[in-house]
Amino acid sequence: MKTTNKLLVSCEEAKHICDKNQYGEASITEIIKLNIRLMYCKVTRAYSKRNVKLTKTIKKSNIQTFSVSEKQAMKNRLQEELAK
């Protein structure tokens, strides 16, 4: 649902801008529109707050993954065990 005022955005559009802003992809105009929306919309504020919390949690989680060779070695060992 589009609004006639260029500074007011829908809730869905604000959520999209919020996501873009988290990754540094939002333009200045979009950030202004988001901030206006955040002033009067409790739903968008809650979404933004959860989004920030999720991003911070993921950044500080220090997740480590297996390399491709380690994955292949595990797969081979599993296949060997299943073949027994």
PDB file of N, CA and C in Angstrom:
ATOM      1  N   MET A   1       0.843  -1.179   0.000  1.00  0.00           N
ATOM      2  CA  MET A   1       0.000   0.000   0.000  1.00  0.00           C
ATOM      3  C   MET A   1       0.890   1.244   0.000  1.00  0.00           C
ATOM      4  N   LYS A   2       0.840   1.986  -1.043  1.00  0.00           N
ATOM      5  CA  LYS A   2       1.641   3.196  -1.159  1.00  0.00           C
ATOM      6  C   LYS A   2       0.882   4.384  -0.572  1.00  0.00           C
ATOM      7  N   THR A   3       1.620   5.288   0.020  1.00  0.00           N
ATOM      8  CA  THR A   3       1.012   6.506   0.542  1.00  0.00           C
ATOM      9  C   THR A   3       1.316   7.638  -0.418  1.00  0.00           C
ATOM     10  N   THR A   4       0.500   8.674  -0.353  1.00  0.00           N
ATOM     11  CA  THR A   4       0.705   9.801  -1.260  1.00  0.00           C
ATOM     12  C   THR A   4       1.843  10.694  -0.790  1.00  0.00           C
ATOM     13  N   ASN A   5       2.086  10.738   0.505  1.00  0.00           N
ATOM     14  CA  ASN A   5       3.168  11.553   1.039  1.00  0.00           C
ATOM     15  C   ASN A   5       4.490  10.816   0.825  1.00  0.00           C
ATOM     16  N   LYS A   6       5.485  11.510   0.288  1.00  0.00           N
ATOM     17  CA  LYS A   6       6.750  10.865  -0.036  1.00  0.00           C
ATOM     18  C   LYS A   6       7.608  10.548   1.186  1.00  0.00           C
ATOM     19  N   LEU A   7       7.319  11.131   2.331  1.00  0.00           N
ATOM     20  CA  LEU A   7       8.100  10.862   3.531  1.00  0.00           C
ATOM     21  C   LEU A   7       7.488   9.764   4.393  1.00  0.00           C
ATOM     22  N   LEU A   8       6.245   9.414   4.149  1.00  0.00           N
ATOM     23  CA  LEU A   8       5.589   8.369   4.926  1.00  0.00           C
ATOM     24  C   LEU A   8       5.641   7.062   4.142  1.00  0.00           C
ATOM     25  N   VAL A   9       6.045   6.009   4.818  1.00  0.00           N
ATOM     26  CA  VAL A   9       6.142   4.701   4.179  1.00  0.00           C
ATOM     27  C   VAL A   9       5.252   3.714   4.920  1.00  0.00           C
ATOM     28  N   SER A  10       4.877   2.639   4.244  1.00  0.00           N
ATOM     29  CA  SER A  10       4.067   1.606   4.881  1.00  0.00           C
ATOM     30  C   SER A  10       4.933   0.833   5.869  1.00  0.00           C
ATOM     31  N   CYS A  11       4.280   0.040   6.689  1.00  0.00           N
ATOM     32  CA  CYS A  11       5.000  -0.747   7.678  1.00  0.00           C
ATOM     33  C   CYS A  11       5.907  -1.762   6.986  1.00  0.00           C
ATOM     34  N   GLU A  12       5.427  -2.405   5.940  1.00  0.00           N
ATOM     35  CA  GLU A  12       6.230  -3.383   5.212  1.00  0.00           C
ATOM     36  C   GLU A  12       7.452  -2.728   4.574  1.00  0.00           C
ATOM     37  N   GLU A  13       7.241  -1.561   4.010  1.00  0.00           N
ATOM     38  CA  GLU A  13       8.355  -0.832   3.395  1.00  0.00           C
ATOM     39  C   GLU A  13       9.372  -0.416   4.456  1.00  0.00           C
ATOM     40  N   ALA A  14       8.879  -0.010   5.621  1.00  0.00           N
ATOM     41  CA  ALA A  14       9.770   0.382   6.712  1.00  0.00           C
ATOM     42  C   ALA A  14      10.598  -0.808   7.199  1.00  0.00           C
ATOM     43  N   LYS A  15       9.997  -1.996   7.245  1.00  0.00           N
ATOM     44  CA  LYS A  15      10.736  -3.194   7.645  1.00  0.00           C
ATOM     45  C   LYS A  15      11.841  -3.499   6.645  1.00  0.00           C
ATOM     46  N   HIS A  16      11.531  -3.326   5.364  1.00  0.00           N
ATOM     47  CA  HIS A  16      12.536  -3.561   4.322  1.00  0.00           C
ATOM     48  C   HIS A  16      13.691  -2.568   4.458  1.00  0.00           C
ATOM     49  N   ILE A  17      13.364  -1.312   4.686  1.00  0.00           N
ATOM     50  CA  ILE A  17      14.392  -0.284   4.869  1.00  0.00           C
ATOM     51  C   ILE A  17      15.212  -0.585   6.122  1.00  0.00           C
ATOM     52  N   CYS A  18      14.557  -1.052   7.173  1.00  0.00           N
ATOM     53  CA  CYS A  18      15.250  -1.401   8.416  1.00  0.00           C
ATOM     54  C   CYS A  18      16.270  -2.499   8.152  1.00  0.00           C
ATOM     55  N   ASP A  19      15.882  -3.513   7.393  1.00  0.00           N
ATOM     56  CA  ASP A  19      16.804  -4.594   7.049  1.00  0.00           C
ATOM     57  C   ASP A  19      17.984  -4.073   6.236  1.00  0.00           C
ATOM     58  N   LYS A  20      17.713  -3.205   5.265  1.00  0.00           N
ATOM     59  CA  LYS A  20      18.782  -2.628   4.452  1.00  0.00           C
ATOM     60  C   LYS A  20      19.711  -1.785   5.315  1.00  0.00           C
ATOM     61  N   ASN A  21      19.140  -1.056   6.261  1.00  0.00           N
ATOM     62  CA  ASN A  21      19.932  -0.193   7.137  1.00  0.00           C
ATOM     63  C   ASN A  21      20.886  -1.008   8.007  1.00  0.00           C
ATOM     64  N   GLN A  22      20.458  -2.192   8.450  1.00  0.00           N
ATOM     65  CA  GLN A  22      21.306  -3.049   9.275  1.00  0.00           C
ATOM     66  C   GLN A  22      22.584  -3.438   8.552  1.00  0.00           C
ATOM     67  N   TYR A  23      22.513  -3.571   7.240  1.00  0.00           N
ATOM     68  CA  TYR A  23      23.672  -3.982   6.450  1.00  0.00           C
ATOM     69  C   TYR A  23      24.337  -2.811   5.738  1.00  0.00           C
ATOM     70  N   GLY A  24      23.939  -1.593   6.081  1.00  0.00           N
ATOM     71  CA  GLY A  24      24.569  -0.399   5.518  1.00  0.00           C
ATOM     72  C   GLY A  24      24.208  -0.143   4.065  1.00  0.00           C
ATOM     73  N   GLU A  25      23.068  -0.650   3.612  1.00  0.00           N
ATOM     74  CA  GLU A  25      22.676  -0.495   2.219  1.00  0.00           C
ATOM     75  C   GLU A  25      21.577   0.538   2.013  1.00  0.00           C
ATOM     76  N   ALA A  26      21.074   1.137   3.075  1.00  0.00           N
ATOM     77  CA  ALA A  26      19.987   2.109   2.961  1.00  0.00           C
ATOM     78  C   ALA A  26      20.539   3.482   2.601  1.00  0.00           C
ATOM     79  N   SER A  27      19.809   4.181   1.748  1.00  0.00           N
ATOM     80  CA  SER A  27      20.209   5.531   1.367  1.00  0.00           C
ATOM     81  C   SER A  27      19.800   6.515   2.466  1.00  0.00           C
ATOM     82  N   ILE A  28      20.300   7.729   2.360  1.00  0.00           N
ATOM     83  CA  ILE A  28      19.964   8.774   3.339  1.00  0.00           C
ATOM     84  C   ILE A  28      18.459   9.024   3.349  1.00  0.00           C
ATOM     85  N   THR A  29      17.850   9.067   2.180  1.00  0.00           N
ATOM     86  CA  THR A  29      16.404   9.291   2.081  1.00  0.00           C
ATOM     87  C   THR A  29      15.635   8.171   2.773  1.00  0.00           C
ATOM     88  N   GLU A  30      16.068   6.940   2.564  1.00  0.00           N
ATOM     89  CA  GLU A  30      15.398   5.812   3.208  1.00  0.00           C
ATOM     90  C   GLU A  30      15.551   5.858   4.721  1.00  0.00           C
ATOM     91  N   ILE A  31      16.718   6.239   5.187  1.00  0.00           N
ATOM     92  CA  ILE A  31      16.948   6.344   6.635  1.00  0.00           C
ATOM     93  C   ILE A  31      16.048   7.410   7.245  1.00  0.00           C
ATOM     94  N   ILE A  32      15.892   8.521   6.557  1.00  0.00           N
ATOM     95  CA  ILE A  32      14.997   9.589   7.035  1.00  0.00           C
ATOM     96  C   ILE A  32      13.567   9.078   7.112  1.00  0.00           C
ATOM     97  N   LYS A  33      13.130   8.379   6.049  1.00  0.00           N
ATOM     98  CA  LYS A  33      11.774   7.824   6.035  1.00  0.00           C
ATOM     99  C   LYS A  33      11.591   6.822   7.171  1.00  0.00           C
ATOM    100  N   LEU A  34      12.590   5.999   7.403  1.00  0.00           N
ATOM    101  CA  LEU A  34      12.522   5.015   8.485  1.00  0.00           C
ATOM    102  C   LEU A  34      12.425   5.709   9.837  1.00  0.00           C
ATOM    103  N   ASN A  35      13.240   6.730  10.058  1.00  0.00           N
ATOM    104  CA  ASN A  35      13.213   7.450  11.340  1.00  0.00           C
ATOM    105  C   ASN A  35      11.877   8.130  11.582  1.00  0.00           C
ATOM    106  N   ILE A  36      11.263   8.648  10.531  1.00  0.00           N
ATOM    107  CA  ILE A  36       9.930   9.248  10.680  1.00  0.00           C
ATOM    108  C   ILE A  36       8.938   8.173  11.089  1.00  0.00           C
ATOM    109  N   ARG A  37       9.020   7.028  10.418  1.00  0.00           N
ATOM    110  CA  ARG A  37       8.115   5.919  10.736  1.00  0.00           C
ATOM    111  C   ARG A  37       8.324   5.425  12.174  1.00  0.00           C
ATOM    112  N   LEU A  38       9.586   5.365  12.612  1.00  0.00           N
ATOM    113  CA  LEU A  38       9.893   4.900  13.962  1.00  0.00           C
ATOM    114  C   LEU A  38       9.311   5.816  15.039  1.00  0.00           C
ATOM    115  N   MET A  39       9.134   7.098  14.712  1.00  0.00           N
ATOM    116  CA  MET A  39       8.591   8.048  15.689  1.00  0.00           C
ATOM    117  C   MET A  39       7.153   7.743  16.064  1.00  0.00           C
ATOM    118  N   TYR A  40       6.380   7.218  15.120  1.00  0.00           N
ATOM    119  CA  TYR A  40       4.962   7.054  15.419  1.00  0.00           C
ATOM    120  C   TYR A  40       4.445   5.609  15.338  1.00  0.00           C
ATOM    121  N   CYS A  41       5.275   4.655  14.935  1.00  0.00           N
ATOM    122  CA  CYS A  41       4.792   3.287  14.761  1.00  0.00           C
ATOM    123  C   CYS A  41       5.447   2.335  15.766  1.00  0.00           C
ATOM    124  N   LYS A  42       4.655   1.838  16.699  1.00  0.00           N
ATOM    125  CA  LYS A  42       5.154   0.939  17.722  1.00  0.00           C
ATOM    126  C   LYS A  42       5.603  -0.400  17.122  1.00  0.00           C
ATOM    127  N   VAL A  43       4.910  -0.874  16.100  1.00  0.00           N
ATOM    128  CA  VAL A  43       5.244  -2.151  15.466  1.00  0.00           C
ATOM    129  C   VAL A  43       6.608  -2.070  14.788  1.00  0.00           C
ATOM    130  N   THR A  44       6.852  -0.986  14.067  1.00  0.00           N
ATOM    131  CA  THR A  44       8.128  -0.812  13.386  1.00  0.00           C
ATOM    132  C   THR A  44       9.266  -0.649  14.383  1.00  0.00           C
ATOM    133  N   ARG A  45       9.015   0.061  15.485  1.00  0.00           N
ATOM    134  CA  ARG A  45      10.037   0.205  16.528  1.00  0.00           C
ATOM    135  C   ARG A  45      10.404  -1.149  17.115  1.00  0.00           C
ATOM    136  N   ALA A  46       9.402  -1.976  17.377  1.00  0.00           N
ATOM    137  CA  ALA A  46       9.661  -3.307  17.938  1.00  0.00           C
ATOM    138  C   ALA A  46      10.448  -4.161  16.947  1.00  0.00           C
ATOM    139  N   TYR A  47      10.091  -4.092  15.668  1.00  0.00           N
ATOM    140  CA  TYR A  47      10.803  -4.841  14.629  1.00  0.00           C
ATOM    141  C   TYR A  47      12.259  -4.396  14.565  1.00  0.00           C
ATOM    142  N   SER A  48      12.468  -3.091  14.583  1.00  0.00           N
ATOM    143  CA  SER A  48      13.817  -2.541  14.502  1.00  0.00           C
ATOM    144  C   SER A  48      14.649  -2.967  15.707  1.00  0.00           C
ATOM    145  N   LYS A  49      14.043  -2.945  16.880  1.00  0.00           N
ATOM    146  CA  LYS A  49      14.740  -3.331  18.108  1.00  0.00           C
ATOM    147  C   LYS A  49      15.159  -4.801  18.053  1.00  0.00           C
ATOM    148  N   ARG A  50      14.238  -5.673  17.610  1.00  0.00           N
ATOM    149  CA  ARG A  50      14.565  -7.105  17.484  1.00  0.00           C
ATOM    150  C   ARG A  50      15.647  -7.328  16.430  1.00  0.00           C
ATOM    151  N   ASN A  51      15.585  -6.569  15.356  1.00  0.00           N
ATOM    152  CA  ASN A  51      16.559  -6.688  14.276  1.00  0.00           C
ATOM    153  C   ASN A  51      17.963  -6.316  14.759  1.00  0.00           C
ATOM    154  N   VAL A  52      18.070  -5.245  15.517  1.00  0.00           N
ATOM    155  CA  VAL A  52      19.358  -4.813  16.063  1.00  0.00           C
ATOM    156  C   VAL A  52      19.889  -5.869  17.034  1.00  0.00           C
ATOM    157  N   LYS A  53      19.015  -6.387  17.886  1.00  0.00           N
ATOM    158  CA  LYS A  53      19.415  -7.397  18.864  1.00  0.00           C
ATOM    159  C   LYS A  53      19.916  -8.662  18.164  1.00  0.00           C
ATOM    160  N   LEU A  54      19.221  -9.093  17.119  1.00  0.00           N
ATOM    161  CA  LEU A  54      19.623 -10.275  16.367  1.00  0.00           C
ATOM    162  C   LEU A  54      20.983 -10.068  15.702  1.00  0.00           C
ATOM    163  N   THR A  55      21.180  -8.918  15.095  1.00  0.00           N
ATOM    164  CA  THR A  55      22.447  -8.618  14.426  1.00  0.00           C
ATOM    165  C   THR A  55      23.607  -8.625  15.422  1.00  0.00           C
ATOM    166  N   LYS A  56      23.422  -8.010  16.572  1.00  0.00           N
ATOM    167  CA  LYS A  56      24.476  -7.981  17.592  1.00  0.00           C
ATOM    168  C   LYS A  56      24.790  -9.382  18.097  1.00  0.00           C
ATOM    169  N   THR A  57      23.759 -10.188  18.306  1.00  0.00           N
ATOM    170  CA  THR A  57      23.949 -11.555  18.797  1.00  0.00           C
ATOM    171  C   THR A  57      24.736 -12.388  17.791  1.00  0.00           C
ATOM    172  N   ILE A  58      24.401 -12.266  16.537  1.00  0.00           N
ATOM    173  CA  ILE A  58      25.096 -13.028  15.494  1.00  0.00           C
ATOM    174  C   ILE A  58      26.546 -12.581  15.377  1.00  0.00           C
ATOM    175  N   LYS A  59      26.786 -11.289  15.451  1.00  0.00           N
ATOM    176  CA  LYS A  59      28.161 -10.786  15.331  1.00  0.00           C
ATOM    177  C   LYS A  59      29.045 -11.257  16.481  1.00  0.00           C
ATOM    178  N   LYS A  60      28.513 -11.330  17.685  1.00  0.00           N
ATOM    179  CA  LYS A  60      29.349 -11.713  18.822  1.00  0.00           C
ATOM    180  C   LYS A  60      29.350 -13.219  19.072  1.00  0.00           C
ATOM    181  N   SER A  61      28.633 -14.004  18.273  1.00  0.00           N
ATOM    182  CA  SER A  61      28.547 -15.445  18.497  1.00  0.00           C
ATOM    183  C   SER A  61      29.827 -16.187  18.139  1.00  0.00           C
ATOM    184  N   ASN A  62      30.650 -15.626  17.280  1.00  0.00           N
ATOM    185  CA  ASN A  62      31.934 -16.222  16.895  1.00  0.00           C
ATOM    186  C   ASN A  62      31.757 -17.652  16.387  1.00  0.00           C
ATOM    187  N   ILE A  63      30.875 -17.811  15.432  1.00  0.00           N
ATOM    188  CA  ILE A  63      30.585 -19.120  14.859  1.00  0.00           C
ATOM    189  C   ILE A  63      31.755 -19.580  13.999  1.00  0.00           C
ATOM    190  N   GLN A  64      32.144 -20.840  14.178  1.00  0.00           N
ATOM    191  CA  GLN A  64      33.219 -21.415  13.387  1.00  0.00           C
ATOM    192  C   GLN A  64      32.647 -22.567  12.573  1.00  0.00           C
ATOM    193  N   THR A  65      33.042 -22.665  11.313  1.00  0.00           N
ATOM    194  CA  THR A  65      32.541 -23.718  10.443  1.00  0.00           C
ATOM    195  C   THR A  65      33.677 -24.624  10.002  1.00  0.00           C
ATOM    196  N   PHE A  66      33.306 -25.792   9.507  1.00  0.00           N
ATOM    197  CA  PHE A  66      34.298 -26.726   8.980  1.00  0.00           C
ATOM    198  C   PHE A  66      34.721 -26.296   7.577  1.00  0.00           C
ATOM    199  N   SER A  67      35.963 -26.594   7.248  1.00  0.00           N
ATOM    200  CA  SER A  67      36.417 -26.329   5.878  1.00  0.00           C
ATOM    201  C   SER A  67      35.845 -27.403   4.960  1.00  0.00           C
ATOM    202  N   VAL A  68      35.954 -27.197   3.670  1.00  0.00           N
ATOM    203  CA  VAL A  68      35.434 -28.144   2.693  1.00  0.00           C
ATOM    204  C   VAL A  68      36.125 -29.500   2.837  1.00  0.00           C
ATOM    205  N   SER A  69      37.433 -29.491   3.071  1.00  0.00           N
ATOM    206  CA  SER A  69      38.163 -30.755   3.204  1.00  0.00           C
ATOM    207  C   SER A  69      37.746 -31.507   4.473  1.00  0.00           C
ATOM    208  N   GLU A  70      37.487 -30.777   5.564  1.00  0.00           N
ATOM    209  CA  GLU A  70      37.029 -31.420   6.791  1.00  0.00           C
ATOM    210  C   GLU A  70      35.643 -32.038   6.602  1.00  0.00           C
ATOM    211  N   LYS A  71      34.774 -31.322   5.887  1.00  0.00           N
ATOM    212  CA  LYS A  71      33.441 -31.856   5.610  1.00  0.00           C
ATOM    213  C   LYS A  71      33.527 -33.129   4.778  1.00  0.00           C
ATOM    214  N   GLN A  72      34.385 -33.110   3.771  1.00  0.00           N
ATOM    215  CA  GLN A  72      34.538 -34.273   2.910  1.00  0.00           C
ATOM    216  C   GLN A  72      35.087 -35.461   3.696  1.00  0.00           C
ATOM    217  N   ALA A  73      36.046 -35.224   4.586  1.00  0.00           N
ATOM    218  CA  ALA A  73      36.609 -36.295   5.408  1.00  0.00           C
ATOM    219  C   ALA A  73      35.537 -36.893   6.318  1.00  0.00           C
ATOM    220  N   MET A  74      34.706 -36.054   6.912  1.00  0.00           N
ATOM    221  CA  MET A  74      33.620 -36.541   7.763  1.00  0.00           C
ATOM    222  C   MET A  74      32.623 -37.361   6.948  1.00  0.00           C
ATOM    223  N   LYS A  75      32.323 -36.904   5.762  1.00  0.00           N
ATOM    224  CA  LYS A  75      31.391 -37.611   4.883  1.00  0.00           C
ATOM    225  C   LYS A  75      31.948 -38.984   4.516  1.00  0.00           C
ATOM    226  N   ASN A  76      33.242 -39.024   4.210  1.00  0.00           N
ATOM    227  CA  ASN A  76      33.885 -40.293   3.864  1.00  0.00           C
ATOM    228  C   ASN A  76      33.861 -41.264   5.036  1.00  0.00           C
ATOM    229  N   ARG A  77      34.161 -40.768   6.237  1.00  0.00           N
ATOM    230  CA  ARG A  77      34.131 -41.621   7.432  1.00  0.00           C
ATOM    231  C   ARG A  77      32.721 -42.154   7.686  1.00  0.00           C
ATOM    232  N   LEU A  78      31.729 -41.314   7.492  1.00  0.00           N
ATOM    233  CA  LEU A  78      30.344 -41.724   7.687  1.00  0.00           C
ATOM    234  C   LEU A  78      29.968 -42.809   6.675  1.00  0.00           C
ATOM    235  N   GLN A  79      30.367 -42.616   5.425  1.00  0.00           N
ATOM    236  CA  GLN A  79      30.075 -43.606   4.398  1.00  0.00           C
ATOM    237  C   GLN A  79      30.755 -44.947   4.738  1.00  0.00           C
ATOM    238  N   GLU A  80      31.977 -44.898   5.230  1.00  0.00           N
ATOM    239  CA  GLU A  80      32.692 -46.104   5.625  1.00  0.00           C
ATOM    240  C   GLU A  80      31.985 -46.832   6.759  1.00  0.00           C
ATOM    241  N   GLU A  81      31.521 -46.069   7.746  1.00  0.00           N
ATOM    242  CA  GLU A  81      30.823 -46.662   8.892  1.00  0.00           C
ATOM    243  C   GLU A  81      29.494 -47.271   8.461  1.00  0.00           C
ATOM    244  N   LEU A  82      28.800 -46.608   7.535  1.00  0.00           N
ATOM    245  CA  LEU A  82      27.534 -47.132   7.072  1.00  0.00           C
ATOM    246  C   LEU A  82      27.711 -48.388   6.215  1.00  0.00           C
ATOM    247  N   ALA A  83      28.847 -48.503   5.561  1.00  0.00           N
ATOM    248  CA  ALA A  83      29.123 -49.646   4.695  1.00  0.00           C
ATOM    249  C   ALA A  83      29.436 -50.911   5.502  1.00  0.00           C
ATOM    250  N   LYS A  84      29.816 -50.782   6.755  1.00  0.00           N
ATOM    251  CA  LYS A  84      30.184 -51.929   7.596  1.00  0.00           C
ATOM    252  C   LYS A  84      29.002 -52.803   7.899  1.00  0.00           C
TER     253      LYS A  84
END
